[in-house]
Each structure stands twice: as structure tokens, then as C-alpha cells.
Amino acid sequence: MTTFLLIRHGQTAWNLEGRYTGQSDVSLNETGRNQARQLAAQLRNNPPDVIYASDLVRARETAEIIAASLALPVHADPRLREVDQGEWEGMVFADIIARYEREFAARKADPLNVAPPGGETVGQVHARVQAAVHDLVARHPGRRVALVAHGMVLALIRLQAYGYPIERVWELVPPNVQVEEVEIREGRSG
């Protein structure tokens, strides 16, 4: 069994503006950096053994701030990237609904198979995230692994850990810099 500390990256300007960030490489704002420093201080009492992060700058920067405080390296893994939002990246929710109402409704109804125009399905993200988690469980049995990533990625790991159906993915997206501890055995929650 591996214990994961699921950590969503710190705040970005696009988070504040309500923009779909996806795989756009947006950095933390000053609030996000402060959030990461506060989290690093909290983790000193019960630190992880290893830190993995998405290779996108907002997650990597959050992880690096935490890692510097704990004298640990950060291992970047592109499989932990956020869902590719395609044409929706950089757009605010209201504009997506106005311009892509039908596509948005179809994706919400069938996240496994329907992608934003030019983007990824939740099913595609789920497959790459499960592969990453499988590898980390095999590589770090019995260890505490900090995993700094993105809302959809963490929601999918939470689904796996708790055995929830994929239709609940949207309600499981955590807020910025929330930490949640979950245990995962090879192929299932613990």
C-alpha cells in the first residue's frame, strides 16, 4: 500500500479569472506561491518520502517550493498533466457555454468518450493517470508520496481511491493547495 498526499497546485491568475487552463502553461501568482510556502510549513511535521509533480509550471513550481523546504527533489511526470481542454483553454465558463453549449452538454453527459474540440476525453486522462499511479505504487510501496497535480488528475485519483463511478469526477475536483491523504494498493484503494 502506498500513501498519497494529493495536492492541487497553488492559485494562478487564470484560476481567479475562472479560465479553463488545461495544459496551458500558466505560472502561479503571488497568492499561489504563498499558499505553497504555507503548505510546505505544514508538511514539515509529517513529510512525504518523495515528491512527484505534473511537468506543467504551476504544479512544478508548487512542488519545488514544498520540496525546497523539505530538502527533497521533485520528479516531474507528464502523465500527471491536466486534461487538454483543446479550444476551450483560456476561455471563461460563460463563454464556453455560449459558444459550445451542445459540446459542453455532451461532454458532461459522457466524460469518458467526449472531448472538448481539439482536446482530451476524461477517459484518456483517466488511462494515463491510472498508469502513473500504478507505476508509483509499484515503485514506492509503503511510502508517503506527495503528488502535486491538477484538479481533474486528482479527482480521478480520488475516484480510484474511493471506488466512485466516473460520473462523479466533476464533484471531486479539489480546491487549490488542498491536501488529501489517500491509500492505494496495487490496482485499488486501501
Foldseek 3Di string as FASTA:
>chain_A
DEKEWEAEFFAFVCVVVQAAAFQPQTAHDPRRLVLLLVVLVVCVVPPFPAEEEAPRHRQVSSRVNSCVSVVHDYHHDNLQGGWFQAPRGGPHPVVCCVVPVPLVVVCLVPQLPGHHVGTDGLVVSLVSLLVVVLVCCVVDPPTYYYYYGFQQSVLSVVCQQVVNDPSCSVVSRDDHGDIDMFAAHNRGGD
